[in-house]
Amino acid sequence: MKTNEICDHGWIPAANGQVPRRLRRTVIKEELVAVTGDPMSAAVLNYFIECTEYARRIDEHIEAEKSLLNEWAREDFCIEPTEGWVRRGAKDLARDLMIGSDRTTRSYAATCIRLGLIEERRNPHNKFDGTKQYRVDFDELRRQLRVKGFVLGDYAAG
């Protein structure tokens, strides 16, 4: 395989000893289009749903490490759980989703925020950090999906 070919498992092969980069994917789901009203806002919402799942796995890892450290070393573990909050700048969001400029992508996220599907806040631990943090409101998402006749697949209530 040549270094500029893309293999079927979604990774760009390493060239010159560099670490391979995972290819980006933007997913648009019918049920999310139904609640957001447009495919691009649905893509942003789906992105944050996936990020929230990743944040949950991080929180589980943090809790496991805390319990091990407390059990063995009797020291405090200073990393706080994310509680579902994802720190993502508009530039990073636009790059990851491949759907437009920073401003355009921010407007799609604003649609989700206006609909109550995503919560937004500033970093509570660093007032000088201008990058916003986001969290999906799964209860509101489930409610709006139910009104449209859909369910949130792969997620249990609570």
Protein backbone atom coordinates (compact mmCIF):
# COMPACT_ATOMS: atom_id res chain seq x y z
CA MET A 1 0.00 0.00 0.00
CA LYS A 2 1.29 3.45 -0.90
CA THR A 3 1.40 6.11 1.81
CA ASN A 4 -1.30 8.22 0.14
CA GLU A 5 -3.86 5.39 -0.08
CA ILE A 6 -6.56 5.05 2.52
CA CYS A 7 -7.07 1.59 3.94
CA ASP A 8 -10.48 0.11 4.69
CA HIS A 9 -10.18 0.28 8.49
CA GLY A 10 -10.35 4.09 8.60
CA TRP A 11 -6.74 4.93 9.36
CA ILE A 12 -4.33 6.82 7.18
CA PRO A 13 -1.16 4.68 7.04
CA ALA A 14 1.92 6.01 8.79
CA ALA A 15 4.58 7.61 6.63
CA ASN A 16 8.14 8.33 7.65
CA GLY A 17 7.66 6.75 11.07
CA GLN A 18 4.76 9.08 12.01
CA VAL A 19 1.81 7.89 14.03
CA PRO A 20 -1.24 7.23 11.83
CA ARG A 21 -4.17 9.64 12.08
CA ARG A 22 -7.72 8.34 12.43
CA LEU A 23 -10.01 9.56 9.65
CA ARG A 24 -12.84 11.90 10.64
CA ARG A 25 -16.50 10.95 10.18
CA THR A 26 -19.56 13.16 10.37
CA VAL A 27 -22.77 11.27 11.10
CA ILE A 28 -26.24 12.66 10.42
CA LYS A 29 -29.08 10.72 12.05
CA GLU A 30 -32.71 11.04 10.97
CA GLU A 31 -34.02 11.28 14.52
CA LEU A 32 -31.64 14.14 15.34
CA VAL A 33 -32.62 15.99 12.16
CA ALA A 34 -36.24 15.65 13.31
CA VAL A 35 -35.55 17.48 16.59
CA THR A 36 -33.02 20.06 15.35
CA GLY A 37 -34.70 20.87 12.05
CA ASP A 38 -31.58 20.66 9.92
CA PRO A 39 -28.86 18.11 9.14
CA MET A 40 -25.89 20.25 10.17
CA SER A 41 -27.26 20.98 13.65
CA ALA A 42 -28.06 17.26 13.89
CA ALA A 43 -24.41 16.48 13.06
CA VAL A 44 -23.25 18.85 15.83
CA LEU A 45 -25.67 17.25 18.29
CA ASN A 46 -24.51 13.75 17.35
CA TYR A 47 -20.89 14.87 17.77
CA PHE A 48 -21.59 16.06 21.32
CA ILE A 49 -23.49 12.86 22.11
CA GLU A 50 -20.38 10.90 21.12
CA CYS A 51 -18.13 13.27 23.08
CA THR A 52 -20.35 12.83 26.12
CA GLU A 53 -19.97 9.06 25.88
CA TYR A 54 -16.19 9.52 25.74
CA ALA A 55 -16.38 11.86 28.77
CA ARG A 56 -18.33 9.21 30.70
CA ARG A 57 -15.60 6.66 30.00
CA ILE A 58 -13.02 9.17 31.23
CA ASP A 59 -15.07 9.72 34.41
CA GLU A 60 -15.21 5.95 35.01
CA HIS A 61 -11.43 5.78 34.61
CA ILE A 62 -10.95 8.72 37.00
CA GLU A 63 -13.15 7.04 39.63
CA ALA A 64 -11.25 3.76 39.26
CA GLU A 65 -7.91 5.54 39.63
CA LYS A 66 -9.18 7.50 42.65
CA SER A 67 -10.26 4.33 44.43
CA LEU A 68 -6.94 2.61 43.72
CA LEU A 69 -4.91 5.60 44.81
CA ASN A 70 -6.98 6.11 47.96
CA GLU A 71 -6.73 2.41 48.77
CA TRP A 72 -2.96 2.14 48.33
CA ALA A 73 -1.43 5.54 48.93
CA ARG A 74 -4.10 7.23 51.04
CA GLU A 75 -3.58 10.39 48.99
CA ASP A 76 -6.12 12.64 47.34
CA PHE A 77 -6.56 12.33 43.59
CA CYS A 78 -6.74 15.85 42.18
CA ILE A 79 -8.37 15.23 38.76
CA GLU A 80 -12.06 16.11 38.81
CA PRO A 81 -14.62 14.15 36.77
CA THR A 82 -16.02 15.86 33.67
CA GLU A 83 -19.65 15.20 34.68
CA GLY A 84 -20.42 15.07 30.97
CA TRP A 85 -19.00 18.50 30.14
CA VAL A 86 -16.92 18.66 26.96
CA ARG A 87 -14.52 21.54 26.27
CA ARG A 88 -14.53 22.25 22.54
CA GLY A 89 -13.69 25.43 20.67
CA ALA A 90 -15.50 26.42 17.48
CA LYS A 91 -12.34 25.96 15.41
CA ASP A 92 -11.88 22.39 16.70
CA LEU A 93 -15.56 21.63 16.20
CA ALA A 94 -15.46 22.88 12.60
CA ARG A 95 -12.33 20.84 11.90
CA ASP A 96 -13.73 17.66 13.45
CA LEU A 97 -17.12 17.88 11.75
CA MET A 98 -15.87 19.23 8.40
CA ILE A 99 -19.09 21.22 7.91
CA GLY A 100 -17.97 24.82 7.55
CA SER A 101 -16.20 27.71 9.18
CA ASP A 102 -15.90 28.39 12.90
CA ARG A 103 -18.76 30.89 12.73
CA THR A 104 -21.03 28.53 10.78
CA THR A 105 -20.36 25.62 13.10
CA ARG A 106 -20.94 27.84 16.14
CA SER A 107 -24.36 28.79 14.70
CA TYR A 108 -25.29 25.10 14.37
CA ALA A 109 -24.28 24.54 18.00
CA ALA A 110 -26.31 27.64 18.98
CA THR A 111 -29.38 26.03 17.40
CA CYS A 112 -28.95 22.99 19.67
CA ILE A 113 -28.46 25.27 22.68
CA ARG A 114 -31.54 27.35 21.81
CA LEU A 115 -33.60 24.14 21.53
CA GLY A 116 -32.42 23.07 25.00
CA LEU A 117 -30.62 19.99 23.68
CA ILE A 118 -27.13 21.14 24.67
CA GLU A 119 -26.09 23.13 27.73
CA GLU A 120 -23.25 25.65 27.47
CA ARG A 121 -21.04 27.17 30.16
CA ARG A 122 -17.71 28.84 30.76
CA ASN A 123 -14.96 26.93 32.53
CA PRO A 124 -15.93 27.15 36.23
CA HIS A 125 -12.34 26.48 37.33
CA ASN A 126 -10.61 29.05 35.10
CA LYS A 127 -12.39 32.34 34.42
CA PHE A 128 -9.74 33.31 31.84
CA ASP A 129 -10.47 30.26 29.65
CA GLY A 130 -12.62 31.58 26.79
CA THR A 131 -13.36 28.15 25.33
CA LYS A 132 -16.91 27.08 26.07
CA GLN A 133 -17.90 23.76 27.60
CA TYR A 134 -20.92 21.80 26.40
CA ARG A 135 -23.07 18.99 27.74
CA VAL A 136 -25.98 17.17 26.13
CA ASP A 137 -29.24 17.38 28.09
CA PHE A 138 -30.29 13.76 27.55
CA ASP A 139 -33.60 14.17 29.39
CA GLU A 140 -34.66 17.01 27.09
CA LEU A 141 -33.35 15.16 24.04
CA ARG A 142 -35.38 12.06 24.96
CA ARG A 143 -38.48 14.21 25.52
CA GLN A 144 -38.17 15.96 22.16
CA LEU A 145 -37.44 12.70 20.36
CA ARG A 146 -40.52 11.10 21.94
CA VAL A 147 -42.70 14.00 20.73
CA LYS A 148 -41.41 13.38 17.18
CA GLY A 149 -41.98 9.62 17.47
CA PHE A 150 -38.37 8.56 17.96
CA VAL A 151 -36.28 7.09 20.76
CA LEU A 152 -32.64 7.68 21.62
CA GLY A 153 -30.97 4.44 20.57
CA ASP A 154 -28.17 2.90 22.63
CA TYR A 155 -28.94 4.96 25.75
CA ALA A 156 -30.94 3.88 28.79
CA ALA A 157 -32.93 6.36 30.84
CA GLY A 158 -31.21 7.86 33.85
